[in-house]
C-alpha atoms as a PDB file:
ATOM      1  CA  MET A   1      31.796 -72.714 -22.154  1.00  0.00           C
ATOM      2  CA  CYS A   2      27.709 -72.786 -23.228  1.00  0.00           C
ATOM      3  CA  SER A   3      26.627 -74.975 -26.032  1.00  0.00           C
ATOM      4  CA  SER A   4      23.395 -75.360 -27.894  1.00  0.00           C
ATOM      5  CA  ASP A   5      21.873 -77.978 -30.257  1.00  0.00           C
ATOM      6  CA  LEU A   6      20.802 -76.637 -33.650  1.00  0.00           C
ATOM      7  CA  LYS A   7      17.181 -77.670 -34.964  1.00  0.00           C
ATOM      8  CA  ALA A   8      15.557 -77.220 -38.246  1.00  0.00           C
ATOM      9  CA  ASP A   9      13.176 -74.631 -36.885  1.00  0.00           C
ATOM     10  CA  ALA A  10      13.569 -70.998 -37.633  1.00  0.00           C
ATOM     11  CA  GLN A  11      11.651 -70.005 -34.716  1.00  0.00           C
ATOM     12  CA  ASN A  12      14.336 -71.557 -32.219  1.00  0.00           C
ATOM     13  CA  THR A  13      16.265 -68.859 -30.593  1.00  0.00           C
ATOM     14  CA  ASP A  14      19.025 -68.345 -28.109  1.00  0.00           C
ATOM     15  CA  VAL A  15      19.801 -65.378 -25.962  1.00  0.00           C
ATOM     16  CA  VAL A  16      23.343 -64.243 -25.550  1.00  0.00           C
ATOM     17  CA  CYS A  17      25.453 -61.819 -23.912  1.00  0.00           C
ATOM     18  CA  PRO A  18      27.911 -59.352 -25.453  1.00  0.00           C
ATOM     19  CA  GLY A  19      31.396 -61.280 -25.622  1.00  0.00           C
ATOM     20  CA  THR A  20      29.875 -64.546 -24.844  1.00  0.00           C
ATOM     21  CA  ALA A  21      31.639 -67.623 -26.415  1.00  0.00           C
ATOM     22  CA  ARG A  22      28.860 -70.062 -27.555  1.00  0.00           C
ATOM     23  CA  MET A  23      29.699 -73.558 -28.761  1.00  0.00           C
ATOM     24  CA  TYR A  24      27.069 -74.849 -31.424  1.00  0.00           C
ATOM     25  CA  LYS A  25      27.129 -78.492 -32.582  1.00  0.00           C
ATOM     26  CA  ILE A  26      24.761 -81.169 -34.328  1.00  0.00           C
ATOM     27  CA  SER A  27      24.777 -84.939 -33.816  1.00  0.00           C
ATOM     28  CA  PRO A  28      27.490 -85.951 -36.744  1.00  0.00           C
ATOM     29  CA  ASN A  29      26.939 -88.576 -39.634  1.00  0.00           C
ATOM     30  CA  PRO A  30      29.894 -90.787 -40.497  1.00  0.00           C
ATOM     31  CA  GLY A  31      31.251 -88.936 -43.896  1.00  0.00           C
ATOM     32  CA  SER A  32      29.342 -86.234 -43.675  1.00  0.00           C
ATOM     33  CA  THR A  33      30.498 -82.307 -44.297  1.00  0.00           C
ATOM     34  CA  TYR A  34      28.848 -79.404 -42.749  1.00  0.00           C
ATOM     35  CA  THR A  35      28.799 -75.686 -44.142  1.00  0.00           C
ATOM     36  CA  TRP A  36      28.330 -73.159 -41.497  1.00  0.00           C
ATOM     37  CA  THR A  37      26.780 -69.683 -41.856  1.00  0.00           C
ATOM     38  CA  VAL A  38      26.728 -67.047 -39.217  1.00  0.00           C
ATOM     39  CA  THR A  39      25.299 -63.402 -39.496  1.00  0.00           C
ATOM     40  CA  GLY A  40      26.018 -60.753 -37.043  1.00  0.00           C
ATOM     41  CA  ASP A  41      29.248 -59.107 -35.660  1.00  0.00           C
ATOM     42  CA  SER A  42      30.961 -62.110 -34.372  1.00  0.00           C
ATOM     43  CA  LEU A  43      34.115 -64.097 -34.143  1.00  0.00           C
ATOM     44  CA  THR A  44      33.454 -67.888 -35.432  1.00  0.00           C
ATOM     45  CA  TYR A  45      35.765 -71.094 -35.349  1.00  0.00           C
ATOM     46  CA  GLN A  46      34.602 -74.227 -37.052  1.00  0.00           C
ATOM     47  CA  TYR A  47      35.276 -77.671 -35.976  1.00  0.00           C
ATOM     48  CA  GLY A  48      33.527 -79.612 -38.702  1.00  0.00           C
ATOM     49  CA  ASP A  49      30.299 -80.664 -36.936  1.00  0.00           C
ATOM     50  CA  SER A  50      30.635 -77.769 -34.267  1.00  0.00           C
ATOM     51  CA  ILE A  51      31.432 -74.042 -34.464  1.00  0.00           C
ATOM     52  CA  GLU A  52      32.333 -71.748 -31.652  1.00  0.00           C
ATOM     53  CA  VAL A  53      31.079 -68.409 -31.956  1.00  0.00           C
ATOM     54  CA  ILE A  54      31.841 -64.991 -29.667  1.00  0.00           C
ATOM     55  CA  TRP A  55      29.020 -62.866 -30.065  1.00  0.00           C
ATOM     56  CA  SER A  56      29.344 -59.037 -30.267  1.00  0.00           C
ATOM     57  CA  ASN A  57      26.225 -56.945 -29.361  1.00  0.00           C
ATOM     58  CA  LYS A  58      24.666 -57.481 -32.817  1.00  0.00           C
ATOM     59  CA  PRO A  59      21.842 -60.163 -33.264  1.00  0.00           C
ATOM     60  CA  GLY A  60      21.999 -62.658 -35.973  1.00  0.00           C
ATOM     61  CA  TYR A  61      22.030 -66.413 -36.615  1.00  0.00           C
ATOM     62  CA  VAL A  62      23.810 -69.822 -37.019  1.00  0.00           C
ATOM     63  CA  GLN A  63      22.998 -72.056 -39.817  1.00  0.00           C
ATOM     64  CA  VAL A  64      24.526 -75.050 -40.938  1.00  0.00           C
ATOM     65  CA  VAL A  65      24.002 -77.369 -43.990  1.00  0.00           C
ATOM     66  CA  GLU A  66      25.008 -80.990 -44.013  1.00  0.00           C
ATOM     67  CA  ALA A  67      26.114 -82.884 -47.063  1.00  0.00           C
ATOM     68  CA  SER A  68      26.323 -86.752 -46.908  1.00  0.00           C
ATOM     69  CA  SER A  69      29.036 -88.578 -48.082  1.00  0.00           C
ATOM     70  CA  PHE A  70      27.187 -89.270 -51.431  1.00  0.00           C
ATOM     71  CA  GLY A  71      26.935 -85.228 -52.023  1.00  0.00           C
ATOM     72  CA  CYS A  72      23.254 -84.783 -51.186  1.00  0.00           C
ATOM     73  CA  ALA A  73      22.659 -81.932 -48.974  1.00  0.00           C
ATOM     74  CA  GLY A  74      19.896 -81.498 -46.269  1.00  0.00           C
ATOM     75  CA  ALA A  75      17.765 -78.940 -44.899  1.00  0.00           C
ATOM     76  CA  PRO A  76      19.386 -75.681 -43.500  1.00  0.00           C
ATOM     77  CA  LEU A  77      19.374 -76.102 -39.476  1.00  0.00           C
ATOM     78  CA  VAL A  78      18.946 -72.276 -38.025  1.00  0.00           C
ATOM     79  CA  LEU A  79      19.192 -70.993 -34.434  1.00  0.00           C
ATOM     80  CA  ASN A  80      18.502 -67.322 -34.366  1.00  0.00           C
ATOM     81  CA  ILE A  81      20.496 -65.376 -32.083  1.00  0.00           C
ATOM     82  CA  GLN A  82      19.318 -62.494 -29.714  1.00  0.00           C
ATOM     83  CA  VAL A  83      21.708 -60.008 -27.924  1.00  0.00           C
ATOM     84  CA  SER A  84      20.716 -58.766 -24.459  1.00  0.00           C
ATOM     85  CA  VAL A  85      22.412 -55.421 -23.791  1.00  0.00           C
ATOM     86  CA  PRO A  86      21.444 -53.765 -20.490  1.00  0.00           C
ATOM     87  CA  GLN A  87      21.041 -50.252 -20.596  1.00  0.00           C
ATOM     88  CA  LEU A  88      22.550 -48.789 -17.682  1.00  0.00           C
ATOM     89  CA  ASP A  89      23.005 -45.011 -17.167  1.00  0.00           C
ATOM     90  CA  LEU A  90      23.471 -43.219 -13.936  1.00  0.00           C
ATOM     91  CA  GLY A  91      24.018 -39.381 -15.717  1.00  0.00           C
ATOM     92  CA  ASN A  92      26.841 -37.346 -15.666  1.00  0.00           C
ATOM     93  CA  ASP A  93      29.083 -36.856 -12.743  1.00  0.00           C
ATOM     94  CA  LEU A  94      27.410 -34.497 -10.349  1.00  0.00           C
ATOM     95  CA  LYS A  95      28.416 -31.345  -8.015  1.00  0.00           C
ATOM     96  CA  ILE A  96      25.752 -30.540  -5.269  1.00  0.00           C
ATOM     97  CA  CYS A  97      25.675 -28.340  -2.240  1.00  0.00           C
ATOM     98  CA  GLU A  98      27.234 -29.208   0.709  1.00  0.00           C
ATOM     99  CA  GLY A  99      24.696 -30.283   3.233  1.00  0.00           C
ATOM    100  CA  LYS A 100      22.497 -31.681   0.820  1.00  0.00           C
ATOM    101  CA  SER A 101      22.118 -35.182  -0.472  1.00  0.00           C
ATOM    102  CA  VAL A 102      21.530 -36.810  -4.265  1.00  0.00           C
ATOM    103  CA  GLU A 103      19.901 -39.985  -5.127  1.00  0.00           C
ATOM    104  CA  LEU A 104      21.406 -42.390  -7.433  1.00  0.00           C
ATOM    105  CA  ASP A 105      19.036 -44.800  -9.675  1.00  0.00           C
ATOM    106  CA  ALA A 106      20.085 -47.810 -11.422  1.00  0.00           C
ATOM    107  CA  GLY A 107      16.630 -48.418 -13.008  1.00  0.00           C
ATOM    108  CA  ASN A 108      14.005 -50.839 -12.521  1.00  0.00           C
ATOM    109  CA  LYS A 109      14.916 -53.338 -15.249  1.00  0.00           C
ATOM    110  CA  TYR A 110      17.129 -55.298 -13.487  1.00  0.00           C
ATOM    111  CA  PRO A 111      16.684 -57.991 -10.588  1.00  0.00           C
ATOM    112  CA  VAL A 112      20.114 -57.765  -9.461  1.00  0.00           C
ATOM    113  CA  HIS A 113      22.008 -54.209  -8.063  1.00  0.00           C
ATOM    114  CA  GLN A 114      25.224 -54.190  -6.759  1.00  0.00           C
ATOM    115  CA  TRP A 115      26.966 -50.798  -5.858  1.00  0.00           C
ATOM    116  CA  ASN A 116      30.171 -50.391  -4.794  1.00  0.00           C
ATOM    117  CA  THR A 117      28.983 -49.046  -1.098  1.00  0.00           C
ATOM    118  CA  GLY A 118      27.563 -52.778  -0.282  1.00  0.00           C
ATOM    119  CA  ASP A 119      24.150 -51.536  -1.243  1.00  0.00           C
ATOM    120  CA  THR A 120      22.035 -53.955  -3.384  1.00  0.00           C
ATOM    121  CA  SER A 121      19.112 -51.749  -3.696  1.00  0.00           C
ATOM    122  CA  ARG A 122      18.175 -50.384  -7.060  1.00  0.00           C
ATOM    123  CA  LYS A 123      18.589 -46.509  -5.561  1.00  0.00           C
ATOM    124  CA  ILE A 124      21.089 -45.302  -3.080  1.00  0.00           C
ATOM    125  CA  LYS A 125      21.237 -41.749  -1.064  1.00  0.00           C
ATOM    126  CA  VAL A 126      24.553 -39.942  -1.477  1.00  0.00           C
ATOM    127  CA  LYS A 127      25.816 -37.503   1.203  1.00  0.00           C
ATOM    128  CA  THR A 128      29.694 -37.649   0.409  1.00  0.00           C
ATOM    129  CA  PRO A 129      31.728 -37.012  -2.612  1.00  0.00           C
ATOM    130  CA  GLY A 130      33.111 -39.713  -4.189  1.00  0.00           C
ATOM    131  CA  TYR A 131      33.058 -42.319  -7.012  1.00  0.00           C
ATOM    132  CA  TYR A 132      29.870 -44.465  -7.150  1.00  0.00           C
ATOM    133  CA  LYS A 133      29.612 -47.762  -9.682  1.00  0.00           C
ATOM    134  CA  VAL A 134      26.643 -49.920  -9.616  1.00  0.00           C
ATOM    135  CA  ASP A 135      26.494 -53.528 -11.404  1.00  0.00           C
ATOM    136  CA  VAL A 136      23.337 -55.169 -12.723  1.00  0.00           C
ATOM    137  CA  ILE A 137      22.639 -58.376 -14.029  1.00  0.00           C
ATOM    138  CA  ASP A 138      19.108 -58.722 -16.192  1.00  0.00           C
ATOM    139  CA  TYR A 139      16.822 -61.535 -16.284  1.00  0.00           C
ATOM    140  CA  THR A 140      18.856 -63.264 -19.007  1.00  0.00           C
ATOM    141  CA  GLY A 141      22.221 -63.140 -16.980  1.00  0.00           C
ATOM    142  CA  CYS A 142      23.628 -60.527 -19.117  1.00  0.00           C
ATOM    143  CA  ARG A 143      25.573 -57.616 -16.949  1.00  0.00           C
ATOM    144  CA  ALA A 144      26.042 -54.123 -17.462  1.00  0.00           C
ATOM    145  CA  SER A 145      27.904 -51.134 -14.696  1.00  0.00           C
ATOM    146  CA  ASP A 146      28.031 -47.559 -14.735  1.00  0.00           C
ATOM    147  CA  SER A 147      29.756 -45.062 -12.435  1.00  0.00           C
ATOM    148  CA  VAL A 148      29.300 -41.636 -11.713  1.00  0.00           C
ATOM    149  CA  TYR A 149      31.493 -39.290  -9.294  1.00  0.00           C
ATOM    150  CA  VAL A 150      29.743 -37.046  -6.965  1.00  0.00           C
ATOM    151  CA  SER A 151      31.528 -33.699  -5.880  1.00  0.00           C
ATOM    152  CA  PHE A 152      30.239 -31.271  -2.902  1.00  0.00           C
ATOM    153  CA  ALA A 153      30.555 -27.430  -3.637  1.00  0.00           C
ATOM    154  CA  SER A 154      30.919 -24.931  -0.672  1.00  0.00           C
ATOM    155  CA  ASN A 155      27.922 -22.946   0.396  1.00  0.00           C
ATOM    156  CA  PRO A 156      28.351 -19.173   0.687  1.00  0.00           C
ATOM    157  CA  LYS A 157      29.881 -17.745   4.112  1.00  0.00           C
ATOM    158  CA  ILE A 158      27.741 -15.461   5.579  1.00  0.00           C
ATOM    159  CA  ASN A 159      27.942 -13.465   8.642  1.00  0.00           C
ATOM    160  CA  LEU A 160      25.972 -10.778   9.527  1.00  0.00           C
ATOM    161  CA  GLY A 161      27.696 -10.153  13.100  1.00  0.00           C
ATOM    162  CA  ALA A 162      25.984 -10.454  16.434  1.00  0.00           C
ATOM    163  CA  ASP A 163      22.664  -9.078  17.282  1.00  0.00           C
ATOM    164  CA  THR A 164      22.644  -5.474  18.093  1.00  0.00           C
ATOM    165  CA  MET A 165      20.809  -2.296  18.459  1.00  0.00           C
ATOM    166  CA  ILE A 166      20.683   0.987  16.658  1.00  0.00           C
ATOM    167  CA  CYS A 167      19.428   4.202  18.256  1.00  0.00           C
ATOM    168  CA  ASP A 168      18.125   7.924  17.100  1.00  0.00           C
ATOM    169  CA  ASN A 169      19.851   8.658  13.784  1.00  0.00           C
ATOM    170  CA  GLU A 170      22.241   5.731  13.874  1.00  0.00           C
ATOM    171  CA  TYR A 171      22.570   3.637  10.681  1.00  0.00           C
ATOM    172  CA  LEU A 172      23.777   0.014  10.572  1.00  0.00           C
ATOM    173  CA  LEU A 173      25.926  -1.202   7.150  1.00  0.00           C
ATOM    174  CA  LEU A 174      25.088  -4.957   6.718  1.00  0.00           C
ATOM    175  CA  ASP A 175      27.480  -6.737   4.403  1.00  0.00           C
ATOM    176  CA  ALA A 176      26.472 -10.255   3.449  1.00  0.00           C
ATOM    177  CA  GLY A 177      30.299 -11.066   2.228  1.00  0.00           C
ATOM    178  CA  SER A 178      31.702 -11.882  -1.175  1.00  0.00           C
ATOM    179  CA  ASP A 179      31.216 -15.402  -1.663  1.00  0.00           C
ATOM    180  CA  GLY A 180      27.654 -14.538  -3.716  1.00  0.00           C
ATOM    181  CA  ILE A 181      26.438 -13.988  -7.272  1.00  0.00           C
ATOM    182  CA  ALA A 182      23.087 -12.771  -6.018  1.00  0.00           C
ATOM    183  CA  TYR A 183      21.743 -11.411  -2.688  1.00  0.00           C
ATOM    184  CA  LEU A 184      18.067 -11.316  -1.528  1.00  0.00           C
ATOM    185  CA  TRP A 185      17.652  -9.227   1.651  1.00  0.00           C
ATOM    186  CA  TRP A 186      14.360  -9.540   3.992  1.00  0.00           C
ATOM    187  CA  ASP A 187      12.968  -6.359   2.199  1.00  0.00           C
ATOM    188  CA  GLN A 188      13.225  -7.657  -1.290  1.00  0.00           C
ATOM    189  CA  THR A 189      16.444  -5.360  -2.016  1.00  0.00           C
ATOM    190  CA  THR A 190      19.652  -6.877  -3.495  1.00  0.00           C
ATOM    191  CA  GLY A 191      23.357  -6.346  -3.632  1.00  0.00           C
ATOM    192  CA  GLN A 192      26.036  -7.260  -0.887  1.00  0.00           C
ATOM    193  CA  THR A 193      25.436  -4.382   1.476  1.00  0.00           C
ATOM    194  CA  HIS A 194      22.516  -3.296   2.608  1.00  0.00           C
ATOM    195  CA  ALA A 195      22.295   0.189   5.184  1.00  0.00           C
ATOM    196  CA  ILE A 196      19.424   0.482   7.603  1.00  0.00           C
ATOM    197  CA  GLY A 197      19.025   3.284   9.822  1.00  0.00           C
ATOM    198  CA  ALA A 198      16.988   3.104  13.165  1.00  0.00           C
ATOM    199  CA  ASN A 199      13.962   5.329  11.876  1.00  0.00           C
ATOM    200  CA  ASP A 200      13.783   2.738   8.616  1.00  0.00           C
ATOM    201  CA  MET A 201      13.218  -0.190  10.894  1.00  0.00           C
ATOM    202  CA  ASP A 202       9.927  -1.810  11.159  1.00  0.00           C
ATOM    203  CA  ASN A 203      10.932  -5.034  11.347  1.00  0.00           C
ATOM    204  CA  THR A 204      13.514  -6.402  14.097  1.00  0.00           C
ATOM    205  CA  TYR A 205      14.839  -9.128  12.584  1.00  0.00           C
ATOM    206  CA  VAL A 206      17.023  -8.744   9.302  1.00  0.00           C
ATOM    207  CA  SER A 207      17.817 -11.422   6.775  1.00  0.00           C
ATOM    208  CA  VAL A 208      19.766 -12.136   3.783  1.00  0.00           C
ATOM    209  CA  GLN A 209      19.833 -14.799   1.152  1.00  0.00           C
ATOM    210  CA  VAL A 210      22.668 -15.500  -0.780  1.00  0.00           C
ATOM    211  CA  THR A 211      23.363 -17.701  -3.969  1.00  0.00           C
ATOM    212  CA  ASN A 212      27.213 -18.379  -5.304  1.00  0.00           C
ATOM    213  CA  ALA A 213      28.017 -19.577  -8.688  1.00  0.00           C
ATOM    214  CA  ASP A 214      27.779 -23.272  -8.023  1.00  0.00           C
ATOM    215  CA  GLY A 215      24.116 -22.256  -7.227  1.00  0.00           C
ATOM    216  CA  CYS A 216      24.412 -23.082  -3.491  1.00  0.00           C
ATOM    217  CA  VAL A 217      22.176 -21.323  -1.141  1.00  0.00           C
ATOM    218  CA  ALA A 218      22.906 -19.734   2.628  1.00  0.00           C
ATOM    219  CA  SER A 219      21.361 -17.287   4.642  1.00  0.00           C
ATOM    220  CA  ASP A 220      21.765 -15.532   7.835  1.00  0.00           C
ATOM    221  CA  THR A 221      19.503 -13.427  10.107  1.00  0.00           C
ATOM    222  CA  LEU A 222      20.544 -10.657  12.608  1.00  0.00           C
ATOM    223  CA  VAL A 223      18.045  -8.947  15.577  1.00  0.00           C
ATOM    224  CA  VAL A 224      18.161  -5.505  15.730  1.00  0.00           C
ATOM    225  CA  MET A 225      16.562  -4.634  18.781  1.00  0.00           C
ATOM    226  CA  ALA A 226      14.489  -1.299  19.258  1.00  0.00           C
ATOM    227  CA  CYS A 227      16.474   1.258  21.138  1.00  0.00           C
ATOM    228  CA  ASP A 228      16.900   0.683  24.735  1.00  0.00           C
ATOM    229  CA  TYR A 229      19.607   2.268  26.497  1.00  0.00           C
ATOM    230  CA  SER A 230      19.562   0.100  29.388  1.00  0.00           C
ATOM    231  CA  LYS A 231      20.127  -2.818  27.291  1.00  0.00           C
ATOM    232  CA  TYR A 232      22.235  -0.951  24.600  1.00  0.00           C
ATOM    233  CA  PRO A 233      25.349  -4.111  24.507  1.00  0.00           C
ATOM    234  CA  ILE A 234      28.444  -2.039  25.808  1.00  0.00           C
ATOM    235  CA  PRO A 235      31.924  -4.080  25.570  1.00  0.00           C
ATOM    236  CA  ASN A 236      32.918  -5.481  28.853  1.00  0.00           C
ATOM    237  CA  THR A 237      36.684  -6.516  27.801  1.00  0.00           C
ATOM    238  CA  ILE A 238      39.721  -4.938  25.850  1.00  0.00           C
ATOM    239  CA  THR A 239      42.832  -6.785  24.982  1.00  0.00           C
ATOM    240  CA  PRO A 240      45.188  -3.771  24.398  1.00  0.00           C
ATOM    241  CA  ASN A 241      48.257  -5.592  22.682  1.00  0.00           C
ATOM    242  CA  GLY A 242      48.603  -3.704  19.779  1.00  0.00           C
ATOM    243  CA  ASP A 243      47.206  -6.286  17.358  1.00  0.00           C
ATOM    244  CA  GLY A 244      44.476  -3.710  15.897  1.00  0.00           C
ATOM    245  CA  LYS A 245      41.810  -6.165  17.329  1.00  0.00           C
ATOM    246  CA  ASN A 246      39.937  -5.223  20.457  1.00  0.00           C
ATOM    247  CA  ASP A 247      42.393  -2.545  21.515  1.00  0.00           C
ATOM    248  CA  THR A 248      40.097  -0.120  23.009  1.00  0.00           C
ATOM    249  CA  TRP A 249      36.902   0.283  24.692  1.00  0.00           C
ATOM    250  CA  ARG A 250      34.497   2.412  22.172  1.00  0.00           C
ATOM    251  CA  ILE A 251      30.809   2.909  22.803  1.00  0.00           C
ATOM    252  CA  ASP A 252      29.513   4.227  19.786  1.00  0.00           C
ATOM    253  CA  LEU A 253      25.969   5.335  21.312  1.00  0.00           C
ATOM    254  CA  LEU A 254      27.739   8.309  22.409  1.00  0.00           C
ATOM    255  CA  TYR A 255      28.173  10.209  19.573  1.00  0.00           C
ATOM    256  CA  HIS A 256      24.567  10.944  19.830  1.00  0.00           C
ATOM    257  CA  TYR A 257      24.678  12.256  23.655  1.00  0.00           C
ATOM    258  CA  PRO A 258      27.569  14.968  23.130  1.00  0.00           C
ATOM    259  CA  ASN A 259      26.749  15.864  27.109  1.00  0.00           C
ATOM    260  CA  ALA A 260      27.877  12.451  28.346  1.00  0.00           C
ATOM    261  CA  THR A 261      30.327  11.635  30.676  1.00  0.00           C
ATOM    262  CA  VAL A 262      32.410   8.310  31.115  1.00  0.00           C
ATOM    263  CA  GLN A 263      34.295   7.638  34.261  1.00  0.00           C
ATOM    264  CA  ILE A 264      36.323   4.241  35.199  1.00  0.00           C
ATOM    265  CA  TYR A 265      37.556   3.022  38.791  1.00  0.00           C
ATOM    266  CA  ASP A 266      40.105   0.596  39.895  1.00  0.00           C
ATOM    267  CA  ARG A 267      39.408  -1.590  42.464  1.00  0.00           C
ATOM    268  CA  TRP A 268      40.266   0.664  45.290  1.00  0.00           C
ATOM    269  CA  GLY A 269      37.796   3.435  44.055  1.00  0.00           C
ATOM    270  CA  GLN A 270      40.485   5.444  42.342  1.00  0.00           C
ATOM    271  CA  ILE A 271      39.544   6.963  38.877  1.00  0.00           C
ATOM    272  CA  VAL A 272      41.695   6.057  36.485  1.00  0.00           C
ATOM    273  CA  PHE A 273      39.937   7.410  33.219  1.00  0.00           C
ATOM    274  CA  GLN A 274      37.310  10.120  32.835  1.00  0.00           C
ATOM    275  CA  SER A 275      36.189  11.814  29.629  1.00  0.00           C
ATOM    276  CA  SER A 276      33.388  14.143  28.247  1.00  0.00           C
ATOM    277  CA  HIS A 277      32.202  12.500  24.908  1.00  0.00           C
ATOM    278  CA  CYS A 278      33.507  13.882  21.974  1.00  0.00           C
ATOM    279  CA  THR A 279      36.652  14.778  23.307  1.00  0.00           C
ATOM    280  CA  PRO A 280      40.183  13.565  21.642  1.00  0.00           C
ATOM    281  CA  ASP A 281      40.219  11.028  24.724  1.00  0.00           C
ATOM    282  CA  ASN A 282      36.893   9.472  24.408  1.00  0.00           C
ATOM    283  CA  VAL A 283      38.414   6.088  23.716  1.00  0.00           C
ATOM    284  CA  TRP A 284      39.935   4.284  26.557  1.00  0.00           C
ATOM    285  CA  ASP A 285      43.091   2.352  25.735  1.00  0.00           C
ATOM    286  CA  GLY A 286      43.373   0.542  28.739  1.00  0.00           C
ATOM    287  CA  THR A 287      46.045   3.063  30.486  1.00  0.00           C
ATOM    288  CA  SER A 288      45.934   5.750  32.902  1.00  0.00           C
ATOM    289  CA  ASN A 289      47.794   9.300  32.491  1.00  0.00           C
ATOM    290  CA  GLY A 290      49.945   7.545  29.692  1.00  0.00           C
ATOM    291  CA  ARG A 291      50.780   4.300  32.260  1.00  0.00           C
ATOM    292  CA  LYS A 292      49.252   0.633  30.865  1.00  0.00           C
ATOM    293  CA  LEU A 293      47.081  -0.681  33.600  1.00  0.00           C
ATOM    294  CA  PRO A 294      47.512  -4.198  34.866  1.00  0.00           C
ATOM    295  CA  GLY A 295      45.169  -6.988  33.516  1.00  0.00           C
ATOM    296  CA  ASP A 296      42.261  -6.640  36.039  1.00  0.00           C
ATOM    297  CA  SER A 297      38.404  -5.692  36.481  1.00  0.00           C
ATOM    298  CA  TYR A 298      37.408  -2.196  36.434  1.00  0.00           C
ATOM    299  CA  PHE A 299      34.246  -0.384  37.259  1.00  0.00           C
ATOM    300  CA  TYR A 300      32.485   2.553  35.197  1.00  0.00           C
ATOM    301  CA  ILE A 301      29.964   4.789  35.381  1.00  0.00           C
ATOM    302  CA  ILE A 302      28.149   6.372  32.015  1.00  0.00           C
ATOM    303  CA  ASN A 303      26.074   9.345  32.678  1.00  0.00           C
ATOM    304  CA  PHE A 304      24.074  10.045  29.310  1.00  0.00           C
ATOM    305  CA  LYS A 305      22.419  13.180  31.265  1.00  0.00           C
ATOM    306  CA  GLU A 306      19.496  14.577  28.965  1.00  0.00           C
ATOM    307  CA  GLY A 307      16.998  12.501  31.697  1.00  0.00           C
ATOM    308  CA  HIS A 308      18.391   8.721  31.259  1.00  0.00           C
ATOM    309  CA  VAL A 309      19.613   6.846  33.851  1.00  0.00           C
ATOM    310  CA  PRO A 310      23.192   6.310  34.040  1.00  0.00           C
ATOM    311  CA  ARG A 311      24.789   2.867  33.026  1.00  0.00           C
ATOM    312  CA  THR A 312      27.010   0.824  35.339  1.00  0.00           C
ATOM    313  CA  GLY A 313      29.230  -2.175  34.863  1.00  0.00           C
ATOM    314  CA  THR A 314      32.553  -3.868  34.475  1.00  0.00           C
ATOM    315  CA  ILE A 315      35.353  -3.580  31.688  1.00  0.00           C
ATOM    316  CA  SER A 316      38.160  -5.898  31.996  1.00  0.00           C
ATOM    317  CA  ILE A 317      41.616  -5.890  30.825  1.00  0.00           C
ATOM    318  CA  VAL A 318      43.337  -8.734  29.532  1.00  0.00           C
ATOM    319  CA  ARG A 319      46.696  -8.656  28.496  1.00  0.00           C
END
């Protein structure tokens, strides 16, 4: 416990921290009595020539008047009290977007900072969710602390799909997903979906920026290539297991070529599938005459006709 001597000087000042217990005393004289006065919000315990004071956060003063054994009162002895209350505010709890960071600042008023992360700097950069607390000590030795909880919000999930190609009168419907509350496409249009046609394209890169309810932003870009029949993406694998995913081999480009033909051969050169486009059997499901073909690689020839060079390649069945 600290103690301070009282002097007959109104300018004498003691600086204390809230909750500090102080013992104040004077040099006693035989037979004297002492009258103590304490102002401010405090608890006091008097012991004759000394007094113990537990200070709150309000300033005040301590005064004592000594009366001799003959009843003569001396001049009041006064000690002014200032209470140092560090002001520290990290702000409200924070929510930031994943992948971002936030800087917490404990202020420049204090020579000592101690974060629960182990940092001793005024500022820290937060990249992970959690509870962050800092303790500070001011120049009078008084302490304060504050804390804040930092949580992270998910960014919108966007997938415009793989790069693609559209030809002639084809249209492509792009969907930016339902995670957003605001959508902005590369051409300044809005909305979750966006349809583009081959004849509408003036840019091979299409993109969308999505903002969700937490204010988090994500974007995706898709390359839509100019129509080139030699590079048009043709699937090279099917998995005909009946799960509704990649069960059949379909080439949408053929819808624009009603005279096109498709032939598929096994490794021994036997035709296992052939079709004239726009007939009911223009989608191959990995069978030949109703018989399931084994998992293997098969050779195809697609003849677009109309002056285009045929496309050849392999298609694999994975079972």
